[in-house]
Amino acid sequence: MLYAIIAVDIPDSLERRLEARPAHLERLRELHDAGRLVLAGPHPAIDAADPGSAGFTGSLVVAEFADLDTARTWAEADPYRAAGVYAEVEVRPFKQVFPPPAD
């Protein structure tokens, strides 16, 4: 089943994000390579694809996990969590409607 991992950053998280980014991206690459990642990315703090020093306000990951507990465990082990980037993380079941998922 798919799960949405919705994270909210602490204020002024950019420096911490940049430090932990390589490890964070590696975990996402592992999900992608396993065919389990639907999408992932940050929420820019301003209305721009590259927010520069304004940074980001959080992240969204939609991926396949065996169950809700497994998704929560994965989210809690994120390097951004360990680095103190995220103030809070919520994990919810997700049903993809569009684009239609591949069978």
N, C-alpha and C. Protein backbone atom coordinates (compact mmCIF):
# COMPACT_ATOMS: atom_id res chain seq x y z
N MET A 1 0.83 -1.17 0.00
CA MET A 1 0.00 0.00 0.00
C MET A 1 0.88 1.24 0.00
N LEU A 2 0.33 2.33 -0.54
CA LEU A 2 1.06 3.60 -0.54
C LEU A 2 0.80 4.37 0.75
N TYR A 3 1.83 5.15 1.14
CA TYR A 3 1.74 6.00 2.32
C TYR A 3 2.33 7.36 1.98
N ALA A 4 1.70 8.41 2.48
CA ALA A 4 2.22 9.78 2.35
C ALA A 4 2.93 10.13 3.64
N ILE A 5 4.17 10.54 3.51
CA ILE A 5 4.96 11.00 4.65
C ILE A 5 5.06 12.51 4.50
N ILE A 6 4.43 13.21 5.44
CA ILE A 6 4.32 14.66 5.39
C ILE A 6 5.12 15.23 6.56
N ALA A 7 6.19 15.94 6.23
CA ALA A 7 7.07 16.46 7.27
C ALA A 7 7.05 17.98 7.25
N VAL A 8 7.14 18.56 8.43
CA VAL A 8 7.18 20.01 8.60
C VAL A 8 8.54 20.36 9.22
N ASP A 9 9.24 21.28 8.60
CA ASP A 9 10.56 21.70 9.07
C ASP A 9 10.48 22.62 10.29
N ILE A 10 11.56 22.62 11.05
CA ILE A 10 11.74 23.65 12.07
C ILE A 10 12.01 24.96 11.33
N PRO A 11 11.85 26.11 11.97
CA PRO A 11 12.23 27.37 11.32
C PRO A 11 13.73 27.38 11.01
N ASP A 12 14.08 28.01 9.91
CA ASP A 12 15.49 28.18 9.51
C ASP A 12 16.24 26.85 9.45
N SER A 13 15.66 25.89 8.76
CA SER A 13 16.23 24.54 8.69
C SER A 13 17.25 24.34 7.57
N LEU A 14 17.44 25.35 6.73
CA LEU A 14 18.22 25.15 5.50
C LEU A 14 19.62 24.59 5.75
N GLU A 15 20.36 25.12 6.69
CA GLU A 15 21.73 24.63 6.94
C GLU A 15 21.72 23.15 7.34
N ARG A 16 20.82 22.78 8.22
CA ARG A 16 20.71 21.38 8.64
C ARG A 16 20.30 20.49 7.46
N ARG A 17 19.38 21.00 6.64
CA ARG A 17 18.94 20.25 5.46
C ARG A 17 20.12 19.95 4.54
N LEU A 18 20.90 20.99 4.27
CA LEU A 18 22.02 20.82 3.34
C LEU A 18 23.03 19.81 3.87
N GLU A 19 23.27 19.81 5.16
CA GLU A 19 24.22 18.87 5.75
C GLU A 19 23.72 17.42 5.65
N ALA A 20 22.44 17.21 5.88
CA ALA A 20 21.89 15.85 5.90
C ALA A 20 21.38 15.39 4.54
N ARG A 21 21.37 16.27 3.56
CA ARG A 21 20.77 15.96 2.26
C ARG A 21 21.35 14.73 1.56
N PRO A 22 22.66 14.54 1.49
CA PRO A 22 23.18 13.35 0.79
C PRO A 22 22.62 12.04 1.38
N ALA A 23 22.59 11.92 2.67
CA ALA A 23 22.07 10.69 3.30
C ALA A 23 20.57 10.55 3.07
N HIS A 24 19.84 11.67 3.12
CA HIS A 24 18.39 11.67 2.86
C HIS A 24 18.12 11.20 1.44
N LEU A 25 18.85 11.74 0.47
CA LEU A 25 18.65 11.37 -0.93
C LEU A 25 19.01 9.91 -1.18
N GLU A 26 20.02 9.41 -0.50
CA GLU A 26 20.40 8.00 -0.68
C GLU A 26 19.25 7.07 -0.28
N ARG A 27 18.57 7.37 0.80
CA ARG A 27 17.43 6.54 1.23
C ARG A 27 16.30 6.60 0.19
N LEU A 28 16.10 7.79 -0.38
CA LEU A 28 15.06 7.92 -1.41
C LEU A 28 15.47 7.15 -2.67
N ARG A 29 16.76 7.18 -3.01
CA ARG A 29 17.23 6.41 -4.17
C ARG A 29 16.99 4.91 -3.96
N GLU A 30 17.19 4.44 -2.74
CA GLU A 30 16.94 3.03 -2.45
C GLU A 30 15.47 2.67 -2.67
N LEU A 31 14.55 3.53 -2.22
CA LEU A 31 13.12 3.30 -2.48
C LEU A 31 12.84 3.32 -3.98
N HIS A 32 13.42 4.29 -4.67
CA HIS A 32 13.22 4.40 -6.12
C HIS A 32 13.74 3.15 -6.84
N ASP A 33 14.95 2.75 -6.50
CA ASP A 33 15.55 1.58 -7.16
C ASP A 33 14.76 0.31 -6.90
N ALA A 34 14.07 0.25 -5.77
CA ALA A 34 13.22 -0.90 -5.44
C ALA A 34 11.84 -0.80 -6.08
N GLY A 35 11.58 0.29 -6.82
CA GLY A 35 10.30 0.48 -7.48
C GLY A 35 9.17 0.86 -6.53
N ARG A 36 9.52 1.41 -5.37
CA ARG A 36 8.52 1.72 -4.34
C ARG A 36 8.23 3.21 -4.19
N LEU A 37 9.01 4.08 -4.82
CA LEU A 37 8.84 5.52 -4.66
C LEU A 37 7.94 6.07 -5.75
N VAL A 38 6.87 6.76 -5.36
CA VAL A 38 5.97 7.42 -6.31
C VAL A 38 6.45 8.84 -6.57
N LEU A 39 6.74 9.58 -5.50
CA LEU A 39 7.27 10.94 -5.63
C LEU A 39 7.87 11.37 -4.31
N ALA A 40 8.74 12.37 -4.40
CA ALA A 40 9.34 12.93 -3.19
C ALA A 40 9.88 14.30 -3.51
N GLY A 41 9.79 15.19 -2.54
CA GLY A 41 10.35 16.52 -2.72
C GLY A 41 10.01 17.44 -1.58
N PRO A 42 10.71 18.59 -1.55
CA PRO A 42 10.50 19.57 -0.49
C PRO A 42 9.43 20.59 -0.86
N HIS A 43 8.97 21.30 0.16
CA HIS A 43 8.04 22.42 -0.02
C HIS A 43 8.85 23.72 0.10
N PRO A 44 9.07 24.44 -1.02
CA PRO A 44 9.81 25.69 -0.93
C PRO A 44 9.10 26.69 -0.01
N ALA A 45 9.87 27.46 0.72
CA ALA A 45 9.32 28.43 1.65
C ALA A 45 8.70 29.64 0.94
N ILE A 46 9.07 29.84 -0.33
CA ILE A 46 8.49 30.91 -1.13
C ILE A 46 8.01 30.31 -2.45
N ASP A 47 7.25 31.08 -3.19
CA ASP A 47 6.68 30.61 -4.45
C ASP A 47 7.73 30.64 -5.56
N ALA A 48 8.68 29.69 -5.46
CA ALA A 48 9.75 29.60 -6.44
C ALA A 48 10.31 28.19 -6.42
N ALA A 49 10.68 27.68 -7.60
CA ALA A 49 11.26 26.34 -7.67
C ALA A 49 12.57 26.28 -6.90
N ASP A 50 13.35 27.36 -6.96
CA ASP A 50 14.59 27.45 -6.20
C ASP A 50 14.43 28.60 -5.19
N PRO A 51 14.12 28.28 -3.94
CA PRO A 51 13.87 29.34 -2.97
C PRO A 51 15.12 30.00 -2.41
N GLY A 52 16.30 29.53 -2.82
CA GLY A 52 17.54 30.12 -2.33
C GLY A 52 17.62 30.09 -0.82
N SER A 53 18.02 31.19 -0.23
CA SER A 53 18.22 31.24 1.22
C SER A 53 16.91 31.19 2.01
N ALA A 54 15.76 31.33 1.34
CA ALA A 54 14.47 31.20 2.03
C ALA A 54 14.26 29.77 2.52
N GLY A 55 14.87 28.83 1.81
CA GLY A 55 14.82 27.43 2.23
C GLY A 55 13.48 26.76 1.99
N PHE A 56 13.16 25.83 2.86
CA PHE A 56 12.00 24.96 2.69
C PHE A 56 11.21 24.88 3.99
N THR A 57 9.94 24.49 3.86
CA THR A 57 9.09 24.39 5.04
C THR A 57 8.74 22.96 5.40
N GLY A 58 9.17 22.02 4.57
CA GLY A 58 8.86 20.62 4.84
C GLY A 58 9.09 19.77 3.61
N SER A 59 8.61 18.52 3.69
CA SER A 59 8.81 17.56 2.61
C SER A 59 7.59 16.66 2.47
N LEU A 60 7.49 16.07 1.29
CA LEU A 60 6.45 15.08 1.03
C LEU A 60 7.10 13.88 0.34
N VAL A 61 6.82 12.69 0.84
CA VAL A 61 7.26 11.45 0.22
C VAL A 61 6.02 10.58 0.09
N VAL A 62 5.79 10.03 -1.09
CA VAL A 62 4.73 9.04 -1.30
C VAL A 62 5.43 7.78 -1.79
N ALA A 63 5.29 6.71 -1.02
CA ALA A 63 5.99 5.48 -1.35
C ALA A 63 5.21 4.27 -0.85
N GLU A 64 5.59 3.12 -1.36
CA GLU A 64 4.95 1.87 -0.98
C GLU A 64 5.69 1.24 0.20
N PHE A 65 4.92 0.82 1.18
CA PHE A 65 5.44 0.12 2.34
C PHE A 65 4.51 -1.05 2.65
N ALA A 66 5.00 -2.02 3.40
CA ALA A 66 4.19 -3.20 3.73
C ALA A 66 2.97 -2.84 4.56
N ASP A 67 3.13 -1.85 5.45
CA ASP A 67 2.03 -1.45 6.32
C ASP A 67 2.37 -0.11 6.96
N LEU A 68 1.41 0.44 7.71
CA LEU A 68 1.58 1.75 8.32
C LEU A 68 2.74 1.78 9.31
N ASP A 69 2.88 0.75 10.11
CA ASP A 69 3.99 0.72 11.07
C ASP A 69 5.34 0.75 10.38
N THR A 70 5.47 0.04 9.28
CA THR A 70 6.72 0.02 8.52
C THR A 70 7.01 1.40 7.93
N ALA A 71 5.97 2.05 7.42
CA ALA A 71 6.14 3.40 6.87
C ALA A 71 6.56 4.37 7.96
N ARG A 72 5.94 4.27 9.12
CA ARG A 72 6.31 5.16 10.24
C ARG A 72 7.74 4.92 10.70
N THR A 73 8.14 3.67 10.77
CA THR A 73 9.51 3.34 11.17
C THR A 73 10.50 3.91 10.18
N TRP A 74 10.20 3.77 8.88
CA TRP A 74 11.08 4.31 7.84
C TRP A 74 11.17 5.84 7.98
N ALA A 75 10.05 6.49 8.17
CA ALA A 75 10.03 7.95 8.29
C ALA A 75 10.81 8.43 9.50
N GLU A 76 10.70 7.74 10.60
CA GLU A 76 11.40 8.14 11.82
C GLU A 76 12.91 7.98 11.69
N ALA A 77 13.36 7.12 10.80
CA ALA A 77 14.80 6.88 10.61
C ALA A 77 15.42 7.81 9.57
N ASP A 78 14.64 8.75 9.05
CA ASP A 78 15.15 9.66 8.02
C ASP A 78 16.29 10.52 8.58
N PRO A 79 17.35 10.70 7.81
CA PRO A 79 18.46 11.56 8.26
C PRO A 79 18.02 12.99 8.60
N TYR A 80 17.01 13.49 7.93
CA TYR A 80 16.51 14.83 8.28
C TYR A 80 15.92 14.83 9.68
N ARG A 81 15.30 13.74 10.07
CA ARG A 81 14.76 13.62 11.43
C ARG A 81 15.91 13.62 12.44
N ALA A 82 16.93 12.83 12.16
CA ALA A 82 18.09 12.73 13.06
C ALA A 82 18.84 14.06 13.16
N ALA A 83 18.86 14.83 12.07
CA ALA A 83 19.58 16.10 12.04
C ALA A 83 18.77 17.25 12.64
N GLY A 84 17.53 16.97 13.03
CA GLY A 84 16.70 18.02 13.62
C GLY A 84 16.07 18.96 12.61
N VAL A 85 15.99 18.53 11.35
CA VAL A 85 15.36 19.35 10.31
C VAL A 85 13.84 19.37 10.51
N TYR A 86 13.27 18.23 10.80
CA TYR A 86 11.82 18.11 10.92
C TYR A 86 11.33 18.38 12.33
N ALA A 87 10.34 19.25 12.44
CA ALA A 87 9.67 19.49 13.73
C ALA A 87 8.63 18.41 13.98
N GLU A 88 7.99 17.96 12.90
CA GLU A 88 6.98 16.91 13.03
C GLU A 88 6.89 16.12 11.73
N VAL A 89 6.47 14.88 11.86
CA VAL A 89 6.30 13.99 10.71
C VAL A 89 4.99 13.23 10.89
N GLU A 90 4.18 13.25 9.86
CA GLU A 90 2.92 12.52 9.87
C GLU A 90 2.94 11.50 8.73
N VAL A 91 2.46 10.31 9.00
CA VAL A 91 2.40 9.27 7.98
C VAL A 91 0.94 8.84 7.85
N ARG A 92 0.44 8.87 6.60
CA ARG A 92 -0.96 8.53 6.34
C ARG A 92 -1.05 7.55 5.17
N PRO A 93 -2.00 6.63 5.23
CA PRO A 93 -2.26 5.81 4.04
C PRO A 93 -2.65 6.73 2.87
N PHE A 94 -2.28 6.33 1.67
CA PHE A 94 -2.51 7.15 0.48
C PHE A 94 -3.05 6.29 -0.65
N LYS A 95 -4.10 6.77 -1.30
CA LYS A 95 -4.67 6.06 -2.46
C LYS A 95 -4.42 6.90 -3.70
N GLN A 96 -3.60 6.41 -4.59
CA GLN A 96 -3.30 7.11 -5.83
C GLN A 96 -4.45 6.94 -6.81
N VAL A 97 -4.94 8.08 -7.32
CA VAL A 97 -6.00 8.06 -8.32
C VAL A 97 -5.47 8.51 -9.68
N PHE A 98 -4.73 9.64 -9.70
CA PHE A 98 -4.15 10.16 -10.93
C PHE A 98 -2.69 10.49 -10.71
N PRO A 99 -1.84 10.24 -11.67
CA PRO A 99 -2.15 9.36 -12.79
C PRO A 99 -2.44 7.96 -12.28
N PRO A 100 -3.22 7.22 -13.05
CA PRO A 100 -3.55 5.86 -12.61
C PRO A 100 -2.27 5.06 -12.36
N PRO A 101 -2.19 4.35 -11.24
CA PRO A 101 -1.00 3.56 -10.98
C PRO A 101 -0.86 2.42 -11.99
N ALA A 102 0.37 2.05 -12.28
CA ALA A 102 0.62 0.91 -13.16
C ALA A 102 0.22 -0.36 -12.44
N ASP A 103 -0.37 -1.27 -13.16
CA ASP A 103 -0.79 -2.55 -12.55
C ASP A 103 0.31 -3.54 -12.51
